[in-house]
Amino acid sequence: MSLLTMVQRSTDRIGIVKPTAVATSADQNVRQLFGLANQELRELARAHDWQALVKEHTWTAIASEDQGSIAYPSPNDLDRFI
């Protein structure tokens, strides 16, 4: 089910005009539903260690370096360690 379909079903239930777009909509009601959908999806993604979202990343350090002063870059899509 697409985001548009979910928002359209929600608008049908709460009695507001059904949108033709969500992410680009200027309608404040649609923007609010978009924000609520994003919040719920973030909470759902964090609720479990979904296998499809788990990735492995390796950092390599040199033993002679002062580990406290080195900042190792994290992947852009890092949410949390598991």
Protein backbone atom coordinates (compact mmCIF):
# COMPACT_ATOMS: atom_id res chain seq x y z
CA MET A 1 0.00 0.00 0.00
CA SER A 2 1.37 3.40 -0.93
CA LEU A 3 1.59 6.48 1.26
CA LEU A 4 -0.94 8.20 -1.01
CA THR A 5 -3.41 5.34 -0.56
CA MET A 6 -3.00 5.39 3.23
CA VAL A 7 -3.53 9.15 3.40
CA GLN A 8 -6.51 8.98 1.04
CA ARG A 9 -8.12 6.30 3.22
CA SER A 10 -7.49 8.47 6.28
CA THR A 11 -9.04 11.54 4.66
CA ASP A 12 -12.11 9.48 3.73
CA ARG A 13 -12.52 8.47 7.38
CA ILE A 14 -12.08 11.96 8.83
CA GLY A 15 -14.12 13.72 6.14
CA ILE A 16 -11.62 15.97 4.38
CA VAL A 17 -10.86 16.30 0.68
CA LYS A 18 -8.95 13.35 -0.76
CA PRO A 19 -5.50 14.51 -1.99
CA THR A 20 -3.86 13.56 -5.29
CA ALA A 21 -0.36 13.95 -3.80
CA VAL A 22 1.07 13.83 -0.30
CA ALA A 23 4.76 14.77 -0.18
CA THR A 24 4.31 17.84 -2.40
CA SER A 25 0.92 18.93 -1.09
CA ALA A 26 0.51 22.46 0.27
CA ASP A 27 -2.74 21.53 2.06
CA GLN A 28 -2.14 21.80 5.82
CA ASN A 29 -4.34 18.78 6.60
CA VAL A 30 -2.39 16.61 4.15
CA ARG A 31 0.93 17.93 5.50
CA GLN A 32 -0.18 16.98 9.01
CA LEU A 33 -1.17 13.46 7.88
CA PHE A 34 2.21 13.17 6.12
CA GLY A 35 3.99 14.14 9.34
CA LEU A 36 1.98 11.66 11.38
CA ALA A 37 2.72 8.88 8.87
CA ASN A 38 6.46 9.67 9.02
CA GLN A 39 6.41 9.67 12.82
CA GLU A 40 4.62 6.33 12.94
CA LEU A 41 7.02 4.77 10.40
CA ARG A 42 10.06 5.96 12.39
CA GLU A 43 8.60 4.43 15.55
CA LEU A 44 7.83 1.18 13.74
CA ALA A 45 11.35 1.01 12.27
CA ARG A 46 12.88 1.46 15.74
CA ALA A 47 10.52 -0.99 17.46
CA HIS A 48 12.30 -4.05 16.05
CA ASP A 49 15.62 -5.04 14.52
CA TRP A 50 14.14 -5.56 11.06
CA GLN A 51 16.43 -7.83 9.03
CA ALA A 52 15.82 -5.77 5.88
CA LEU A 53 17.16 -2.68 7.67
CA VAL A 54 20.21 -4.30 9.30
CA LYS A 55 23.57 -3.64 7.66
CA GLU A 56 27.09 -4.47 8.73
CA HIS A 57 29.84 -1.85 8.72
CA THR A 58 33.50 -2.26 9.58
CA TRP A 59 35.81 0.39 11.00
CA THR A 60 39.55 -0.18 10.77
CA ALA A 61 41.93 1.34 13.30
CA ILE A 62 45.70 1.32 13.56
CA ALA A 63 46.99 0.19 16.97
CA SER A 64 49.56 2.98 17.24
CA GLU A 65 47.01 5.78 16.78
CA ASP A 66 45.51 7.62 19.73
CA GLN A 67 41.97 6.23 19.47
CA GLY A 68 40.44 9.03 21.54
CA SER A 69 41.37 11.74 19.06
CA ILE A 70 40.20 10.04 15.88
CA ALA A 71 36.68 10.49 14.55
CA TYR A 72 35.63 7.54 12.43
CA PRO A 73 32.90 8.47 9.96
CA SER A 74 29.61 6.64 10.39
CA PRO A 75 27.48 5.56 7.44
CA ASN A 76 24.90 8.18 6.43
CA ASP A 77 22.04 5.77 7.03
CA LEU A 78 23.11 4.76 10.55
CA ASP A 79 20.21 4.91 13.00
CA ARG A 80 21.55 2.89 15.93
CA PHE A 81 23.85 0.04 16.91
CA ILE A 82 22.31 -3.34 17.63
